């Protein structure tokens, strides 16, 4: 069993940017990386009336991201993901050893 630390932010703040909301709704986005923990596995959240469930949460070195990870984030490639992240966070430097929380999710399908 995984033991997670206390959340640093509320789950409703996990995905906020309209383009990322649209990517999640269309199924192109199935992961969200954050520097803090926003949700635990099994928790649900809603985007424009559609319910999603967090399927897993894990730590990852940002330098271990691949193109497939960037695509799961809703971006075409790691290079584009990295470029946009650095533009959105002007004072941030890309640190390969920096740790992030990977929140994986899918549309919630009630049993």
C-alpha atoms as a PDB file:
ATOM      1  CA  UNK A   1       0.000   0.000   0.000  1.00  0.00           C
ATOM      2  CA  UNK A   2       1.274   3.465  -0.869  1.00  0.00           C
ATOM      3  CA  UNK A   3       1.473   6.082   1.811  1.00  0.00           C
ATOM      4  CA  UNK A   4       1.066   9.604   0.488  1.00  0.00           C
ATOM      5  CA  UNK A   5       1.845  12.877   2.234  1.00  0.00           C
ATOM      6  CA  UNK A   6      -0.832  15.443   2.961  1.00  0.00           C
ATOM      7  CA  UNK A   7      -2.193  17.176  -0.139  1.00  0.00           C
ATOM      8  CA  UNK A   8      -0.724  20.574  -0.949  1.00  0.00           C
ATOM      9  CA  UNK A   9      -3.705  21.776  -2.979  1.00  0.00           C
ATOM     10  CA  UNK A  10      -7.321  20.850  -3.678  1.00  0.00           C
ATOM     11  CA  UNK A  11      -8.207  18.453  -6.477  1.00  0.00           C
ATOM     12  CA  UNK A  12     -10.400  21.060  -8.222  1.00  0.00           C
ATOM     13  CA  UNK A  13      -7.196  22.985  -9.023  1.00  0.00           C
ATOM     14  CA  UNK A  14      -5.525  20.002 -10.733  1.00  0.00           C
ATOM     15  CA  UNK A  15      -6.513  21.012 -14.293  1.00  0.00           C
ATOM     16  CA  UNK A  16      -7.535  24.624 -14.834  1.00  0.00           C
ATOM     17  CA  UNK A  17      -6.238  25.970 -18.146  1.00  0.00           C
ATOM     18  CA  UNK A  18      -9.016  25.863 -20.785  1.00  0.00           C
ATOM     19  CA  UNK A  19      -6.810  24.153 -23.399  1.00  0.00           C
ATOM     20  CA  UNK A  20      -5.867  21.430 -20.916  1.00  0.00           C
ATOM     21  CA  UNK A  21      -9.497  20.999 -19.834  1.00  0.00           C
ATOM     22  CA  UNK A  22     -10.431  20.540 -23.508  1.00  0.00           C
ATOM     23  CA  UNK A  23      -7.592  18.035 -23.980  1.00  0.00           C
ATOM     24  CA  UNK A  24      -8.809  16.006 -20.974  1.00  0.00           C
ATOM     25  CA  UNK A  25     -12.408  16.105 -22.201  1.00  0.00           C
ATOM     26  CA  UNK A  26     -11.329  14.870 -25.643  1.00  0.00           C
ATOM     27  CA  UNK A  27      -9.223  12.063 -24.118  1.00  0.00           C
ATOM     28  CA  UNK A  28      -5.868  13.449 -25.303  1.00  0.00           C
ATOM     29  CA  UNK A  29      -4.815  14.314 -21.744  1.00  0.00           C
ATOM     30  CA  UNK A  30      -4.627  11.555 -19.118  1.00  0.00           C
ATOM     31  CA  UNK A  31      -1.936  12.909 -16.794  1.00  0.00           C
ATOM     32  CA  UNK A  32      -1.144  16.090 -14.908  1.00  0.00           C
ATOM     33  CA  UNK A  33       2.227  16.791 -13.331  1.00  0.00           C
ATOM     34  CA  UNK A  34       2.394  19.144 -10.383  1.00  0.00           C
ATOM     35  CA  UNK A  35       5.091  20.053  -7.896  1.00  0.00           C
ATOM     36  CA  UNK A  36       2.587  19.319  -5.136  1.00  0.00           C
ATOM     37  CA  UNK A  37       0.113  16.559  -4.376  1.00  0.00           C
ATOM     38  CA  UNK A  38      -3.420  17.511  -5.489  1.00  0.00           C
ATOM     39  CA  UNK A  39      -5.278  14.189  -5.280  1.00  0.00           C
ATOM     40  CA  UNK A  40      -5.116  10.602  -4.086  1.00  0.00           C
ATOM     41  CA  UNK A  41      -5.947   7.532  -6.199  1.00  0.00           C
ATOM     42  CA  UNK A  42      -9.691   6.927  -6.311  1.00  0.00           C
ATOM     43  CA  UNK A  43     -10.663  10.576  -5.864  1.00  0.00           C
ATOM     44  CA  UNK A  44     -12.914  12.120  -8.482  1.00  0.00           C
ATOM     45  CA  UNK A  45     -13.067  15.582 -10.028  1.00  0.00           C
ATOM     46  CA  UNK A  46     -15.288  17.242 -12.580  1.00  0.00           C
ATOM     47  CA  UNK A  47     -14.492  19.191 -15.741  1.00  0.00           C
ATOM     48  CA  UNK A  48     -17.435  20.882 -17.475  1.00  0.00           C
ATOM     49  CA  UNK A  49     -19.890  18.367 -16.039  1.00  0.00           C
ATOM     50  CA  UNK A  50     -17.788  15.289 -16.885  1.00  0.00           C
ATOM     51  CA  UNK A  51     -16.479  13.251 -13.967  1.00  0.00           C
ATOM     52  CA  UNK A  52     -12.919  11.899 -13.904  1.00  0.00           C
ATOM     53  CA  UNK A  53     -11.229   9.548 -11.447  1.00  0.00           C
ATOM     54  CA  UNK A  54      -7.584   9.656 -10.383  1.00  0.00           C
ATOM     55  CA  UNK A  55      -6.224   6.205 -11.228  1.00  0.00           C
ATOM     56  CA  UNK A  56      -2.713   6.581  -9.830  1.00  0.00           C
ATOM     57  CA  UNK A  57      -0.317   9.071  -8.286  1.00  0.00           C
ATOM     58  CA  UNK A  58       3.436   8.676  -8.314  1.00  0.00           C
ATOM     59  CA  UNK A  59       6.661  10.631  -7.973  1.00  0.00           C
ATOM     60  CA  UNK A  60       8.825  11.157 -11.036  1.00  0.00           C
ATOM     61  CA  UNK A  61      12.022  12.982 -11.849  1.00  0.00           C
ATOM     62  CA  UNK A  62      11.120  15.638 -14.400  1.00  0.00           C
ATOM     63  CA  UNK A  63      14.213  14.533 -16.346  1.00  0.00           C
ATOM     64  CA  UNK A  64      12.710  11.050 -16.741  1.00  0.00           C
ATOM     65  CA  UNK A  65       9.803  12.377 -18.808  1.00  0.00           C
ATOM     66  CA  UNK A  66       9.484  10.975 -22.328  1.00  0.00           C
ATOM     67  CA  UNK A  67       7.607  12.070 -25.429  1.00  0.00           C
ATOM     68  CA  UNK A  68       4.863   9.582 -24.416  1.00  0.00           C
ATOM     69  CA  UNK A  69       4.589  11.291 -21.021  1.00  0.00           C
ATOM     70  CA  UNK A  70       4.296  14.698 -22.696  1.00  0.00           C
ATOM     71  CA  UNK A  71       1.578  13.297 -24.982  1.00  0.00           C
ATOM     72  CA  UNK A  72      -0.295  12.002 -21.910  1.00  0.00           C
ATOM     73  CA  UNK A  73      -0.079  15.603 -20.659  1.00  0.00           C
ATOM     74  CA  UNK A  74      -1.808  16.714 -23.864  1.00  0.00           C
ATOM     75  CA  UNK A  75       1.234  18.008 -25.753  1.00  0.00           C
ATOM     76  CA  UNK A  76       2.664  16.669 -29.039  1.00  0.00           C
ATOM     77  CA  UNK A  77       6.229  16.228 -27.735  1.00  0.00           C
ATOM     78  CA  UNK A  78       8.481  16.679 -24.727  1.00  0.00           C
ATOM     79  CA  UNK A  79      10.244  19.612 -26.409  1.00  0.00           C
ATOM     80  CA  UNK A  80       6.956  21.490 -26.820  1.00  0.00           C
ATOM     81  CA  UNK A  81       5.869  20.618 -23.254  1.00  0.00           C
ATOM     82  CA  UNK A  82       9.168  21.857 -21.825  1.00  0.00           C
ATOM     83  CA  UNK A  83       9.077  25.064 -23.887  1.00  0.00           C
ATOM     84  CA  UNK A  84       5.515  25.900 -22.797  1.00  0.00           C
ATOM     85  CA  UNK A  85       6.174  25.100 -19.131  1.00  0.00           C
ATOM     86  CA  UNK A  86       9.196  27.394 -19.082  1.00  0.00           C
ATOM     87  CA  UNK A  87       7.226  30.178 -20.811  1.00  0.00           C
ATOM     88  CA  UNK A  88       4.344  29.833 -18.312  1.00  0.00           C
ATOM     89  CA  UNK A  89       6.752  29.937 -15.343  1.00  0.00           C
ATOM     90  CA  UNK A  90       9.219  32.657 -16.326  1.00  0.00           C
ATOM     91  CA  UNK A  91      11.462  32.260 -13.267  1.00  0.00           C
ATOM     92  CA  UNK A  92      11.557  28.455 -13.421  1.00  0.00           C
ATOM     93  CA  UNK A  93      14.569  26.514 -14.609  1.00  0.00           C
ATOM     94  CA  UNK A  94      14.245  22.974 -15.975  1.00  0.00           C
ATOM     95  CA  UNK A  95      15.943  20.780 -13.382  1.00  0.00           C
ATOM     96  CA  UNK A  96      16.156  17.151 -14.505  1.00  0.00           C
ATOM     97  CA  UNK A  97      16.443  16.052 -10.870  1.00  0.00           C
ATOM     98  CA  UNK A  98      13.355  17.998  -9.773  1.00  0.00           C
ATOM     99  CA  UNK A  99      10.557  15.762  -8.489  1.00  0.00           C
ATOM    100  CA  UNK A 100       6.936  16.105  -9.547  1.00  0.00           C
ATOM    101  CA  UNK A 101       3.742  14.268  -8.700  1.00  0.00           C
ATOM    102  CA  UNK A 102       2.224  12.500 -11.714  1.00  0.00           C
ATOM    103  CA  UNK A 103      -1.573  12.382 -11.356  1.00  0.00           C
ATOM    104  CA  UNK A 104      -3.003   9.865 -13.869  1.00  0.00           C
ATOM    105  CA  UNK A 105      -6.737   9.937 -14.512  1.00  0.00           C
ATOM    106  CA  UNK A 106      -9.530   8.700 -16.750  1.00  0.00           C
ATOM    107  CA  UNK A 107     -13.213   9.371 -17.285  1.00  0.00           C
ATOM    108  CA  UNK A 108     -15.153   7.972 -14.362  1.00  0.00           C
ATOM    109  CA  UNK A 109     -17.326   5.040 -15.308  1.00  0.00           C
ATOM    110  CA  UNK A 110     -19.643   4.185 -12.395  1.00  0.00           C
ATOM    111  CA  UNK A 111     -20.067   0.460 -11.768  1.00  0.00           C
END
